[in-house]
Amino acid sequence: LRILPIVNENDTVATHEIRFGDNDRLAALVSQLVEADLLVLLSDV
């Protein structure tokens, strides 16, 4: 539908036991989920 998904961990309901740990891992899992051609990880470095 040409919508731009903005994905984040659902921090409001996530618990310590079931968290992704960090959104870098979440991004990698999302890239698997959608079979992405490229994953770009941005930070302050």
Full PDB file with SEQRES, HELIX, SHEET, SSBOND, CRYST1, ORIGX, SCALE, CONECT and MASTER records, all heavy atoms in Angstrom:
SEQRES   1 A   45  LEU ARG ILE LEU PRO ILE VAL ASN GLU ASN ASP THR VAL          
SEQRES   2 A   45  ALA THR HIS GLU ILE ARG PHE GLY ASP ASN ASP ARG LEU          
SEQRES   3 A   45  ALA ALA LEU VAL SER GLN LEU VAL GLU ALA ASP LEU LEU          
SEQRES   4 A   45  VAL LEU LEU SER ASP VAL                                      
HELIX    1 AA1 HIS A   16  ILE A   18  5                                   3    
HELIX    2 AA2 ASN A   23  LEU A   33  1                                  11    
CRYST1    1.000    1.000    1.000  90.00  90.00  90.00 P 1           1          
ORIGX1      1.000000  0.000000  0.000000        0.00000                         
ORIGX2      0.000000  1.000000  0.000000        0.00000                         
ORIGX3      0.000000  0.000000  1.000000        0.00000                         
SCALE1      1.000000  0.000000  0.000000        0.00000                         
SCALE2      0.000000  1.000000  0.000000        0.00000                         
SCALE3      0.000000  0.000000  1.000000        0.00000                         
ATOM      1  N   LEU A   1       0.819  -1.217   0.000  1.00  0.00           N  
ATOM      2  CA  LEU A   1       0.000   0.000   0.000  1.00  0.00           C  
ATOM      3  C   LEU A   1       0.853   1.267   0.000  1.00  0.00           C  
ATOM      4  O   LEU A   1       0.323   2.375   0.072  1.00  0.00           O  
ATOM      5  CB  LEU A   1      -0.927   0.003   1.226  1.00  0.00           C  
ATOM      6  CG  LEU A   1      -2.049  -1.035   1.214  1.00  0.00           C  
ATOM      7  CD1 LEU A   1      -2.716  -1.117   2.583  1.00  0.00           C  
ATOM      8  CD2 LEU A   1      -3.076  -0.708   0.122  1.00  0.00           C  
ATOM      9  N   ARG A   2       2.181   1.098  -0.087  1.00  0.00           N  
ATOM     10  CA  ARG A   2       3.153   2.202  -0.091  1.00  0.00           C  
ATOM     11  C   ARG A   2       3.113   3.005   1.220  1.00  0.00           C  
ATOM     12  O   ARG A   2       3.355   4.216   1.246  1.00  0.00           O  
ATOM     13  CB  ARG A   2       2.951   3.128  -1.293  1.00  0.00           C  
ATOM     14  CG  ARG A   2       3.193   2.460  -2.628  1.00  0.00           C  
ATOM     15  CD  ARG A   2       4.644   2.022  -2.774  1.00  0.00           C  
ATOM     16  NE  ARG A   2       5.541   3.138  -3.062  1.00  0.00           N  
ATOM     17  CZ  ARG A   2       6.869   3.073  -2.878  1.00  0.00           C  
ATOM     18  NH1 ARG A   2       7.429   1.973  -2.401  1.00  0.00           N  
ATOM     19  NH2 ARG A   2       7.614   4.109  -3.164  1.00  0.00           N  
ATOM     20  N   ILE A   3       2.815   2.311   2.306  1.00  0.00           N  
ATOM     21  CA  ILE A   3       2.928   2.879   3.649  1.00  0.00           C  
ATOM     22  C   ILE A   3       4.340   2.596   4.149  1.00  0.00           C  
ATOM     23  O   ILE A   3       4.913   1.540   3.875  1.00  0.00           O  
ATOM     24  CB  ILE A   3       1.893   2.255   4.603  1.00  0.00           C  
ATOM     25  CG1 ILE A   3       0.465   2.453   4.060  1.00  0.00           C  
ATOM     26  CG2 ILE A   3       2.025   2.827   6.005  1.00  0.00           C  
ATOM     27  CD1 ILE A   3       0.049   3.895   3.916  1.00  0.00           C  
ATOM     28  N   LEU A   4       4.923   3.522   4.877  1.00  0.00           N  
ATOM     29  CA  LEU A   4       6.260   3.339   5.437  1.00  0.00           C  
ATOM     30  C   LEU A   4       6.127   2.842   6.874  1.00  0.00           C  
ATOM     31  O   LEU A   4       5.773   3.615   7.768  1.00  0.00           O  
ATOM     32  CB  LEU A   4       7.041   4.657   5.383  1.00  0.00           C  
ATOM     33  CG  LEU A   4       8.558   4.566   5.587  1.00  0.00           C  
ATOM     34  CD1 LEU A   4       9.257   5.746   4.911  1.00  0.00           C  
ATOM     35  CD2 LEU A   4       8.931   4.517   7.062  1.00  0.00           C  
ATOM     36  N   PRO A   5       6.368   1.553   7.113  1.00  0.00           N  
ATOM     37  CA  PRO A   5       6.254   1.037   8.486  1.00  0.00           C  
ATOM     38  C   PRO A   5       7.349   1.601   9.392  1.00  0.00           C  
ATOM     39  O   PRO A   5       8.519   1.646   9.002  1.00  0.00           O  
ATOM     40  CB  PRO A   5       6.426  -0.478   8.308  1.00  0.00           C  
ATOM     41  CG  PRO A   5       6.184  -0.741   6.862  1.00  0.00           C  
ATOM     42  CD  PRO A   5       6.665   0.486   6.152  1.00  0.00           C  
ATOM     43  N   ILE A   6       6.956   2.019  10.575  1.00  0.00           N  
ATOM     44  CA  ILE A   6       7.911   2.423  11.613  1.00  0.00           C  
ATOM     45  C   ILE A   6       7.786   1.401  12.731  1.00  0.00           C  
ATOM     46  O   ILE A   6       6.757   1.315  13.401  1.00  0.00           O  
ATOM     47  CB  ILE A   6       7.630   3.841  12.125  1.00  0.00           C  
ATOM     48  CG1 ILE A   6       7.764   4.844  10.975  1.00  0.00           C  
ATOM     49  CG2 ILE A   6       8.587   4.194  13.270  1.00  0.00           C  
ATOM     50  CD1 ILE A   6       7.457   6.280  11.374  1.00  0.00           C  
ATOM     51  N   VAL A   7       8.829   0.615  12.906  1.00  0.00           N  
ATOM     52  CA  VAL A   7       8.808  -0.526  13.817  1.00  0.00           C  
ATOM     53  C   VAL A   7       9.591  -0.197  15.083  1.00  0.00           C  
ATOM     54  O   VAL A   7      10.658   0.426  15.030  1.00  0.00           O  
ATOM     55  CB  VAL A   7       9.425  -1.773  13.140  1.00  0.00           C  
ATOM     56  CG1 VAL A   7       9.311  -2.994  14.054  1.00  0.00           C  
ATOM     57  CG2 VAL A   7       8.774  -2.042  11.785  1.00  0.00           C  
ATOM     58  N   ASN A   8       9.055  -0.613  16.203  1.00  0.00           N  
ATOM     59  CA  ASN A   8       9.768  -0.485  17.471  1.00  0.00           C  
ATOM     60  C   ASN A   8       9.355  -1.649  18.359  1.00  0.00           C  
ATOM     61  O   ASN A   8       8.339  -2.301  18.117  1.00  0.00           O  
ATOM     62  CB  ASN A   8       9.448   0.848  18.163  1.00  0.00           C  
ATOM     63  CG  ASN A   8      10.447   1.216  19.255  1.00  0.00           C  
ATOM     64  OD1 ASN A   8      11.376   0.460  19.551  1.00  0.00           O  
ATOM     65  ND2 ASN A   8      10.259   2.377  19.856  1.00  0.00           N  
ATOM     66  N   GLU A   9      10.181  -1.919  19.353  1.00  0.00           N  
ATOM     67  CA  GLU A   9       9.767  -2.906  20.342  1.00  0.00           C  
ATOM     68  C   GLU A   9       8.608  -2.330  21.143  1.00  0.00           C  
ATOM     69  O   GLU A   9       8.581  -1.131  21.447  1.00  0.00           O  
ATOM     70  CB  GLU A   9      10.920  -3.256  21.285  1.00  0.00           C  
ATOM     71  CG  GLU A   9      10.528  -4.277  22.342  1.00  0.00           C  
ATOM     72  CD  GLU A   9      11.722  -4.951  23.000  1.00  0.00           C  
ATOM     73  OE1 GLU A   9      12.840  -4.457  22.843  1.00  0.00           O  
ATOM     74  OE2 GLU A   9      11.507  -5.978  23.665  1.00  0.00           O  
ATOM     75  N   ASN A  10       7.658  -3.171  21.482  1.00  0.00           N  
ATOM     76  CA  ASN A  10       6.509  -2.729  22.260  1.00  0.00           C  
ATOM     77  C   ASN A  10       6.917  -2.649  23.736  1.00  0.00           C  
ATOM     78  O   ASN A  10       6.573  -3.507  24.543  1.00  0.00           O  
ATOM     79  CB  ASN A  10       5.327  -3.686  22.064  1.00  0.00           C  
ATOM     80  CG  ASN A  10       4.021  -3.092  22.548  1.00  0.00           C  
ATOM     81  OD1 ASN A  10       4.016  -2.081  23.249  1.00  0.00           O  
ATOM     82  ND2 ASN A  10       2.913  -3.713  22.186  1.00  0.00           N  
ATOM     83  N   ASP A  11       7.649  -1.592  24.065  1.00  0.00           N  
ATOM     84  CA  ASP A  11       8.212  -1.451  25.403  1.00  0.00           C  
ATOM     85  C   ASP A  11       7.156  -1.371  26.491  1.00  0.00           C  
ATOM     86  O   ASP A  11       7.417  -1.691  27.650  1.00  0.00           O  
ATOM     87  CB  ASP A  11       9.086  -0.192  25.484  1.00  0.00           C  
ATOM     88  CG  ASP A  11      10.374  -0.327  24.685  1.00  0.00           C  
ATOM     89  OD1 ASP A  11      11.124  -1.281  24.933  1.00  0.00           O  
ATOM     90  OD2 ASP A  11      10.621   0.516  23.811  1.00  0.00           O  
ATOM     91  N   THR A  12       5.957  -0.928  26.155  1.00  0.00           N  
ATOM     92  CA  THR A  12       4.921  -0.762  27.177  1.00  0.00           C  
ATOM     93  C   THR A  12       4.457  -2.098  27.749  1.00  0.00           C  
ATOM     94  O   THR A  12       4.058  -2.178  28.903  1.00  0.00           O  
ATOM     95  CB  THR A  12       3.724   0.015  26.589  1.00  0.00           C  
ATOM     96  OG1 THR A  12       4.187   1.277  26.099  1.00  0.00           O  
ATOM     97  CG2 THR A  12       2.666   0.258  27.645  1.00  0.00           C  
ATOM     98  N   VAL A  13       4.530  -3.160  26.951  1.00  0.00           N  
ATOM     99  CA  VAL A  13       4.067  -4.455  27.446  1.00  0.00           C  
ATOM    100  C   VAL A  13       5.185  -5.492  27.544  1.00  0.00           C  
ATOM    101  O   VAL A  13       4.995  -6.552  28.142  1.00  0.00           O  
ATOM    102  CB  VAL A  13       2.938  -5.028  26.556  1.00  0.00           C  
ATOM    103  CG1 VAL A  13       1.756  -4.069  26.530  1.00  0.00           C  
ATOM    104  CG2 VAL A  13       3.431  -5.302  25.144  1.00  0.00           C  
ATOM    105  N   ALA A  14       6.358  -5.207  26.958  1.00  0.00           N  
ATOM    106  CA  ALA A  14       7.458  -6.168  27.003  1.00  0.00           C  
ATOM    107  C   ALA A  14       7.981  -6.306  28.429  1.00  0.00           C  
ATOM    108  O   ALA A  14       7.947  -5.366  29.213  1.00  0.00           O  
ATOM    109  CB  ALA A  14       8.590  -5.730  26.077  1.00  0.00           C  
ATOM    110  N   THR A  15       8.453  -7.497  28.750  1.00  0.00           N  
ATOM    111  CA  THR A  15       9.062  -7.735  30.054  1.00  0.00           C  
ATOM    112  C   THR A  15      10.535  -8.025  29.865  1.00  0.00           C  
ATOM    113  O   THR A  15      11.008  -8.263  28.758  1.00  0.00           O  
ATOM    114  CB  THR A  15       8.398  -8.930  30.758  1.00  0.00           C  
ATOM    115  OG1 THR A  15       8.695 -10.118  30.013  1.00  0.00           O  
ATOM    116  CG2 THR A  15       6.892  -8.751  30.851  1.00  0.00           C  
ATOM    117  N   HIS A  16      11.299  -7.987  30.958  1.00  0.00           N  
ATOM    118  CA  HIS A  16      12.727  -8.263  30.871  1.00  0.00           C  
ATOM    119  C   HIS A  16      12.987  -9.633  30.245  1.00  0.00           C  
ATOM    120  O   HIS A  16      13.954  -9.827  29.511  1.00  0.00           O  
ATOM    121  CB  HIS A  16      13.358  -8.214  32.264  1.00  0.00           C  
ATOM    122  CG  HIS A  16      13.468  -6.831  32.826  1.00  0.00           C  
ATOM    123  ND1 HIS A  16      14.101  -5.813  32.155  1.00  0.00           N  
ATOM    124  CD2 HIS A  16      13.030  -6.306  34.004  1.00  0.00           C  
ATOM    125  CE1 HIS A  16      14.054  -4.705  32.891  1.00  0.00           C  
ATOM    126  NE2 HIS A  16      13.404  -4.982  34.011  1.00  0.00           N  
ATOM    127  N   GLU A  17      12.090 -10.587  30.515  1.00  0.00           N  
ATOM    128  CA  GLU A  17      12.314 -11.951  30.070  1.00  0.00           C  
ATOM    129  C   GLU A  17      12.093 -12.136  28.576  1.00  0.00           C  
ATOM    130  O   GLU A  17      12.643 -13.051  27.971  1.00  0.00           O  
ATOM    131  CB  GLU A  17      11.390 -12.919  30.838  1.00  0.00           C  
ATOM    132  CG  GLU A  17      11.747 -13.089  32.319  1.00  0.00           C  
ATOM    133  CD  GLU A  17      11.331 -11.896  33.166  1.00  0.00           C  
ATOM    134  OE1 GLU A  17      10.495 -11.083  32.697  1.00  0.00           O  
ATOM    135  OE2 GLU A  17      11.856 -11.760  34.287  1.00  0.00           O  
ATOM    136  N   ILE A  18      11.267 -11.278  27.962  1.00  0.00           N  
ATOM    137  CA  ILE A  18      10.922 -11.504  26.557  1.00  0.00           C  
ATOM    138  C   ILE A  18      11.359 -10.349  25.655  1.00  0.00           C  
ATOM    139  O   ILE A  18      10.910 -10.238  24.522  1.00  0.00           O  
ATOM    140  CB  ILE A  18       9.408 -11.736  26.392  1.00  0.00           C  
ATOM    141  CG1 ILE A  18       8.604 -10.488  26.834  1.00  0.00           C  
ATOM    142  CG2 ILE A  18       8.956 -12.962  27.154  1.00  0.00           C  
ATOM    143  CD1 ILE A  18       7.124 -10.585  26.477  1.00  0.00           C  
ATOM    144  N   ARG A  19      12.241  -9.490  26.118  1.00  0.00           N  
ATOM    145  CA  ARG A  19      12.691  -8.361  25.307  1.00  0.00           C  
ATOM    146  C   ARG A  19      13.673  -8.836  24.237  1.00  0.00           C  
ATOM    147  O   ARG A  19      14.368  -9.837  24.395  1.00  0.00           O  
ATOM    148  CB  ARG A  19      13.346  -7.297  26.184  1.00  0.00           C  
ATOM    149  CG  ARG A  19      12.381  -6.604  27.137  1.00  0.00           C  
ATOM    150  CD  ARG A  19      13.116  -5.578  27.977  1.00  0.00           C  
ATOM    151  NE  ARG A  19      13.599  -4.488  27.158  1.00  0.00           N  
ATOM    152  CZ  ARG A  19      12.893  -3.388  26.888  1.00  0.00           C  
ATOM    153  NH1 ARG A  19      11.674  -3.266  27.369  1.00  0.00           N  
ATOM    154  NH2 ARG A  19      13.384  -2.426  26.154  1.00  0.00           N  
ATOM    155  N   PHE A  20      13.739  -8.077  23.153  1.00  0.00           N  
ATOM    156  CA  PHE A  20      14.725  -8.364  22.111  1.00  0.00           C  
ATOM    157  C   PHE A  20      16.140  -8.113  22.630  1.00  0.00           C  
ATOM    158  O   PHE A  20      17.093  -8.712  22.170  1.00  0.00           O  
ATOM    159  CB  PHE A  20      14.491  -7.472  20.883  1.00  0.00           C  
ATOM    160  CG  PHE A  20      13.264  -7.836  20.108  1.00  0.00           C  
ATOM    161  CD1 PHE A  20      12.111  -7.070  20.197  1.00  0.00           C  
ATOM    162  CD2 PHE A  20      13.261  -8.941  19.276  1.00  0.00           C  
ATOM    163  CE1 PHE A  20      10.978  -7.398  19.470  1.00  0.00           C  
ATOM    164  CE2 PHE A  20      12.128  -9.281  18.549  1.00  0.00           C  
ATOM    165  CZ  PHE A  20      10.992  -8.506  18.651  1.00  0.00           C  
ATOM    166  N   GLY A  21      16.266  -7.204  23.587  1.00  0.00           N  
ATOM    167  CA  GLY A  21      17.580  -6.860  24.121  1.00  0.00           C  
ATOM    168  C   GLY A  21      18.056  -5.539  23.578  1.00  0.00           C  
ATOM    169  O   GLY A  21      18.583  -4.709  24.300  1.00  0.00           O  
ATOM    170  N   ASP A  22      17.875  -5.299  22.299  1.00  0.00           N  
ATOM    171  CA  ASP A  22      18.219  -4.025  21.680  1.00  0.00           C  
ATOM    172  C   ASP A  22      17.566  -4.005  20.304  1.00  0.00           C  
ATOM    173  O   ASP A  22      17.205  -5.037  19.754  1.00  0.00           O  
ATOM    174  CB  ASP A  22      19.735  -3.867  21.559  1.00  0.00           C  
ATOM    175  CG  ASP A  22      20.350  -4.975  20.728  1.00  0.00           C  
ATOM    176  OD1 ASP A  22      20.282  -4.880  19.486  1.00  0.00           O  
ATOM    177  OD2 ASP A  22      20.865  -5.942  21.312  1.00  0.00           O  
ATOM    178  N   ASN A  23      17.400  -2.813  19.749  1.00  0.00           N  
ATOM    179  CA  ASN A  23      16.712  -2.711  18.475  1.00  0.00           C  
ATOM    180  C   ASN A  23      17.594  -3.048  17.286  1.00  0.00           C  
ATOM    181  O   ASN A  23      17.099  -3.142  16.155  1.00  0.00           O  
ATOM    182  CB  ASN A  23      16.088  -1.323  18.322  1.00  0.00           C  
ATOM    183  CG  ASN A  23      14.681  -1.271  18.898  1.00  0.00           C  
ATOM    184  OD1 ASN A  23      14.200  -2.253  19.461  1.00  0.00           O  
ATOM    185  ND2 ASN A  23      14.022  -0.140  18.767  1.00  0.00           N  
ATOM    186  N   ASP A  24      18.899  -3.220  17.487  1.00  0.00           N  
ATOM    187  CA  ASP A  24      19.738  -3.744  16.407  1.00  0.00           C  
ATOM    188  C   ASP A  24      19.294  -5.168  16.087  1.00  0.00           C  
ATOM    189  O   ASP A  24      19.129  -5.541  14.921  1.00  0.00           O  
ATOM    190  CB  ASP A  24      21.223  -3.723  16.802  1.00  0.00           C  
ATOM    191  CG  ASP A  24      21.753  -2.314  16.982  1.00  0.00           C  
ATOM    192  OD1 ASP A  24      21.413  -1.454  16.153  1.00  0.00           O  
ATOM    193  OD2 ASP A  24      22.498  -2.070  17.946  1.00  0.00           O  
ATOM    194  N   ARG A  25      19.099  -5.956  17.122  1.00  0.00           N  
ATOM    195  CA  ARG A  25      18.622  -7.332  16.924  1.00  0.00           C  
ATOM    196  C   ARG A  25      17.218  -7.327  16.316  1.00  0.00           C  
ATOM    197  O   ARG A  25      16.927  -8.111  15.402  1.00  0.00           O  
ATOM    198  CB  ARG A  25      18.616  -8.080  18.259  1.00  0.00           C  
ATOM    199  CG  ARG A  25      18.063  -9.508  18.157  1.00  0.00           C  
ATOM    200  CD  ARG A  25      18.194 -10.257  19.472  1.00  0.00           C  
ATOM    201  NE  ARG A  25      17.492 -11.530  19.428  1.00  0.00           N  
ATOM    202  CZ  ARG A  25      17.953 -12.635  18.849  1.00  0.00           C  
ATOM    203  NH1 ARG A  25      19.132 -12.613  18.257  1.00  0.00           N  
ATOM    204  NH2 ARG A  25      17.254 -13.761  18.863  1.00  0.00           N  
ATOM    205  N   LEU A  26      16.354  -6.449  16.811  1.00  0.00           N  
ATOM    206  CA  LEU A  26      15.014  -6.347  16.244  1.00  0.00           C  
ATOM    207  C   LEU A  26      15.085  -6.035  14.755  1.00  0.00           C  
ATOM    208  O   LEU A  26      14.373  -6.639  13.942  1.00  0.00           O  
ATOM    209  CB  LEU A  26      14.210  -5.264  16.975  1.00  0.00           C  
ATOM    210  CG  LEU A  26      12.857  -4.893  16.362  1.00  0.00           C  
ATOM    211  CD1 LEU A  26      11.939  -6.101  16.276  1.00  0.00           C  
ATOM    212  CD2 LEU A  26      12.201  -3.768  17.157  1.00  0.00           C  
ATOM    213  N   ALA A  27      15.963  -5.113  14.378  1.00  0.00           N  
ATOM    214  CA  ALA A  27      16.095  -4.741  12.964  1.00  0.00           C  
ATOM    215  C   ALA A  27      16.548  -5.926  12.119  1.00  0.00           C  
ATOM    216  O   ALA A  27      16.075  -6.121  10.993  1.00  0.00           O  
ATOM    217  CB  ALA A  27      17.071  -3.582  12.816  1.00  0.00           C  
ATOM    218  N   ALA A  28      17.475  -6.727  12.653  1.00  0.00           N  
ATOM    219  CA  ALA A  28      17.933  -7.910  11.926  1.00  0.00           C  
ATOM    220  C   ALA A  28      16.792  -8.906  11.746  1.00  0.00           C  
ATOM    221  O   ALA A  28      16.639  -9.509  10.673  1.00  0.00           O  
ATOM    222  CB  ALA A  28      19.101  -8.566  12.661  1.00  0.00           C  
ATOM    223  N   LEU A  29      15.984  -9.083  12.787  1.00  0.00           N  
ATOM    224  CA  LEU A  29      14.854 -10.002  12.699  1.00  0.00           C  
ATOM    225  C   LEU A  29      13.785  -9.488  11.731  1.00  0.00           C  
ATOM    226  O   LEU A  29      13.163 -10.262  11.004  1.00  0.00           O  
ATOM    227  CB  LEU A  29      14.256 -10.228  14.089  1.00  0.00           C  
ATOM    228  CG  LEU A  29      15.162 -10.999  15.052  1.00  0.00           C  
ATOM    229  CD1 LEU A  29      14.591 -10.969  16.465  1.00  0.00           C  
ATOM    230  CD2 LEU A  29      15.353 -12.445  14.598  1.00  0.00           C  
ATOM    231  N   VAL A  30      13.587  -8.177  11.709  1.00  0.00           N  
ATOM    232  CA  VAL A  30      12.640  -7.589  10.761  1.00  0.00           C  
ATOM    233  C   VAL A  30      13.149  -7.780   9.336  1.00  0.00           C  
ATOM    234  O   VAL A  30      12.373  -8.083   8.425  1.00  0.00           O  
ATOM    235  CB  VAL A  30      12.405  -6.095  11.071  1.00  0.00           C  
ATOM    236  CG1 VAL A  30      11.665  -5.403   9.929  1.00  0.00           C  
ATOM    237  CG2 VAL A  30      11.612  -5.943  12.360  1.00  0.00           C  
ATOM    238  N   SER A  31      14.461  -7.613   9.136  1.00  0.00           N  
ATOM    239  CA  SER A  31      15.013  -7.806   7.790  1.00  0.00           C  
ATOM    240  C   SER A  31      14.810  -9.248   7.330  1.00  0.00           C  
ATOM    241  O   SER A  31      14.584  -9.505   6.138  1.00  0.00           O  
ATOM    242  CB  SER A  31      16.499  -7.426   7.753  1.00  0.00           C  
ATOM    243  OG  SER A  31      17.310  -8.373   8.416  1.00  0.00           O  
ATOM    244  N   GLN A  32      14.868 -10.196   8.257  1.00  0.00           N  
ATOM    245  CA  GLN A  32      14.553 -11.590   7.932  1.00  0.00           C  
ATOM    246  C   GLN A  32      13.073 -11.738   7.608  1.00  0.00           C  
ATOM    247  O   GLN A  32      12.691 -12.408   6.643  1.00  0.00           O  
ATOM    248  CB  GLN A  32      14.910 -12.509   9.099  1.00  0.00           C  
ATOM    249  CG  GLN A  32      16.388 -12.729   9.323  1.00  0.00           C  
ATOM    250  CD  GLN A  32      16.631 -13.727  10.451  1.00  0.00           C  
ATOM    251  OE1 GLN A  32      15.710 -14.269  11.044  1.00  0.00           O  
ATOM    252  NE2 GLN A  32      17.890 -13.958  10.755  1.00  0.00           N  
ATOM    253  N   LEU A  33      12.245 -11.122   8.429  1.00  0.00           N  
ATOM    254  CA  LEU A  33      10.787 -11.239   8.292  1.00  0.00           C  
ATOM    255  C   LEU A  33      10.321 -10.786   6.916  1.00  0.00           C  
ATOM    256  O   LEU A  33       9.451 -11.417   6.299  1.00  0.00           O  
ATOM    257  CB  LEU A  33      10.100 -10.415   9.390  1.00  0.00           C  
ATOM    258  CG  LEU A  33       8.603 -10.590   9.579  1.00  0.00           C  
ATOM    259  CD1 LEU A  33       8.301 -11.947  10.192  1.00  0.00           C  
ATOM    260  CD2 LEU A  33       8.051  -9.476  10.474  1.00  0.00           C  
ATOM    261  N   VAL A  34      10.901  -9.689   6.416  1.00  0.00           N  
ATOM    262  CA  VAL A  34      10.446  -9.118   5.134  1.00  0.00           C  
ATOM    263  C   VAL A  34      11.387  -9.464   3.983  1.00  0.00           C  
ATOM    264  O   VAL A  34      11.188  -9.002   2.862  1.00  0.00           O  
ATOM    265  CB  VAL A  34      10.291  -7.584   5.239  1.00  0.00           C  
ATOM    266  CG1 VAL A  34       9.300  -7.210   6.320  1.00  0.00           C  
ATOM    267  CG2 VAL A  34      11.638  -6.898   5.474  1.00  0.00           C  
ATOM    268  N   GLU A  35      12.428 -10.279   4.263  1.00  0.00           N  
ATOM    269  CA  GLU A  35      13.418 -10.650   3.255  1.00  0.00           C  
ATOM    270  C   GLU A  35      13.991  -9.415   2.566  1.00  0.00           C  
ATOM    271  O   GLU A  35      13.951  -9.263   1.334  1.00  0.00           O  
ATOM    272  CB  GLU A  35      12.810 -11.613   2.226  1.00  0.00           C  
ATOM    273  CG  GLU A  35      12.411 -12.952   2.835  1.00  0.00           C  
ATOM    274  CD  GLU A  35      11.959 -13.969   1.782  1.00  0.00           C  
ATOM    275  OE1 GLU A  35      11.714 -13.563   0.636  1.00  0.00           O  
ATOM    276  OE2 GLU A  35      11.872 -15.155   2.129  1.00  0.00           O  
ATOM    277  N   ALA A  36      14.551  -8.529   3.372  1.00  0.00           N  
ATOM    278  CA  ALA A  36      15.085  -7.264   2.865  1.00  0.00           C  
ATOM    279  C   ALA A  36      16.331  -7.480   2.017  1.00  0.00           C  
ATOM    280  O   ALA A  36      17.096  -8.420   2.219  1.00  0.00           O  
ATOM    281  CB  ALA A  36      15.405  -6.335   4.034  1.00  0.00           C  
ATOM    282  N   ASP A  37      16.534  -6.582   1.070  1.00  0.00           N  
ATOM    283  CA  ASP A  37      17.745  -6.587   0.255  1.00  0.00           C  
ATOM    284  C   ASP A  37      18.919  -5.956   0.990  1.00  0.00           C  
ATOM    285  O   ASP A  37      20.078  -6.185   0.627  1.00  0.00           O  
ATOM    286  CB  ASP A  37      17.520  -5.796  -1.037  1.00  0.00           C  
ATOM    287  CG  ASP A  37      16.542  -6.484  -1.969  1.00  0.00           C  
ATOM    288  OD1 ASP A  37      16.495  -7.726  -1.961  1.00  0.00           O  
ATOM    289  OD2 ASP A  37      15.817  -5.786  -2.694  1.00  0.00           O  
ATOM    290  N   LEU A  38      18.619  -5.131   1.987  1.00  0.00           N  
ATOM    291  CA  LEU A  38      19.663  -4.381   2.687  1.00  0.00           C  
ATOM    292  C   LEU A  38      19.175  -3.983   4.071  1.00  0.00           C  
ATOM    293  O   LEU A  38      18.014  -3.628   4.249  1.00  0.00           O  
ATOM    294  CB  LEU A  38      20.015  -3.113   1.895  1.00  0.00           C  
ATOM    295  CG  LEU A  38      20.992  -2.129   2.548  1.00  0.00           C  
ATOM    296  CD1 LEU A  38      22.403  -2.721   2.604  1.00  0.00           C  
ATOM    297  CD2 LEU A  38      20.997  -0.805   1.805  1.00  0.00           C  
ATOM    298  N   LEU A  39      20.089  -4.044   5.035  1.00  0.00           N  
ATOM    299  CA  LEU A  39      19.847  -3.525   6.382  1.00  0.00           C  
ATOM    300  C   LEU A  39      20.897  -2.464   6.673  1.00  0.00           C  
ATOM    301  O   LEU A  39      22.102  -2.718   6.532  1.00  0.00           O  
ATOM    302  CB  LEU A  39      19.931  -4.644   7.425  1.00  0.00           C  
ATOM    303  CG  LEU A  39      19.936  -4.220   8.898  1.00  0.00           C  
ATOM    304  CD1 LEU A  39      18.676  -3.453   9.265  1.00  0.00           C  
ATOM    305  CD2 LEU A  39      20.117  -5.438   9.812  1.00  0.00           C  
ATOM    306  N   VAL A  40      20.461  -1.279   7.049  1.00  0.00           N  
ATOM    307  CA  VAL A  40      21.364  -0.188   7.420  1.00  0.00           C  
ATOM    308  C   VAL A  40      21.184   0.099   8.902  1.00  0.00           C  
ATOM    309  O   VAL A  40      20.080   0.423   9.347  1.00  0.00           O  
ATOM    310  CB  VAL A  40      21.080   1.092   6.592  1.00  0.00           C  
ATOM    311  CG1 VAL A  40      22.030   2.212   7.018  1.00  0.00           C  
ATOM    312  CG2 VAL A  40      21.216   0.810   5.103  1.00  0.00           C  
ATOM    313  N   LEU A  41      22.265  -0.056   9.664  1.00  0.00           N  
ATOM    314  CA  LEU A  41      22.243   0.208  11.105  1.00  0.00           C  
ATOM    315  C   LEU A  41      22.919   1.546  11.373  1.00  0.00           C  
ATOM    316  O   LEU A  41      24.113   1.716  11.111  1.00  0.00           O  
ATOM    317  CB  LEU A  41      22.969  -0.913  11.858  1.00  0.00           C  
ATOM    318  CG  LEU A  41      22.386  -2.321  11.723  1.00  0.00           C  
ATOM    319  CD1 LEU A  41      23.283  -3.339  12.428  1.00  0.00           C  
ATOM    320  CD2 LEU A  41      20.973  -2.385  12.291  1.00  0.00           C  
ATOM    321  N   LEU A  42      22.144   2.497  11.894  1.00  0.00           N  
ATOM    322  CA  LEU A  42      22.648   3.849  12.146  1.00  0.00           C  
ATOM    323  C   LEU A  42      22.873   4.082  13.629  1.00  0.00           C  
ATOM    324  O   LEU A  42      22.134   3.576  14.474  1.00  0.00           O  
ATOM    325  CB  LEU A  42      21.642   4.886  11.630  1.00  0.00           C  
ATOM    326  CG  LEU A  42      21.267   4.807  10.146  1.00  0.00           C  
ATOM    327  CD1 LEU A  42      20.132   5.787   9.860  1.00  0.00           C  
ATOM    328  CD2 LEU A  42      22.475   5.107   9.266  1.00  0.00           C  
ATOM    329  N   SER A  43      23.898   4.869  13.933  1.00  0.00           N  
ATOM    330  CA  SER A  43      24.170   5.226  15.324  1.00  0.00           C  
ATOM    331  C   SER A  43      24.902   6.565  15.341  1.00  0.00           C  
ATOM    332  O   SER A  43      24.836   7.338  14.377  1.00  0.00           O  
ATOM    333  CB  SER A  43      25.012   4.146  16.008  1.00  0.00           C  
ATOM    334  OG  SER A  43      26.331   4.142  15.486  1.00  0.00           O  
ATOM    335  N   ASP A  44      25.622   6.848  16.422  1.00  0.00           N  
ATOM    336  CA  ASP A  44      26.379   8.100  16.501  1.00  0.00           C  
ATOM    337  C   ASP A  44      27.844   7.908  16.112  1.00  0.00           C  
ATOM    338  O   ASP A  44      28.658   8.801  16.304  1.00  0.00           O  
ATOM    339  CB  ASP A  44      26.264   8.717  17.900  1.00  0.00           C  
ATOM    340  CG  ASP A  44      26.576   7.712  19.003  1.00  0.00           C  
ATOM    341  OD1 ASP A  44      27.019   6.587  18.675  1.00  0.00           O  
ATOM    342  OD2 ASP A  44      26.372   8.044  20.179  1.00  0.00           O  
ATOM    343  N   VAL A  45      28.194   6.740  15.565  1.00  0.00           N  
ATOM    344  CA  VAL A  45      29.560   6.452  15.120  1.00  0.00           C  
ATOM    345  C   VAL A  45      29.521   6.123  13.632  1.00  0.00           C  
ATOM    346  O   VAL A  45      28.614   5.436  13.167  1.00  0.00           O  
ATOM    347  CB  VAL A  45      30.170   5.268  15.910  1.00  0.00           C  
ATOM    348  CG1 VAL A  45      31.597   4.994  15.461  1.00  0.00           C  
ATOM    349  CG2 VAL A  45      30.132   5.567  17.405  1.00  0.00           C  
TER     350      VAL A  45                                                      
MASTER        0    0    0    2    0    0    0    6  349    1    0    4          
END                                                                             
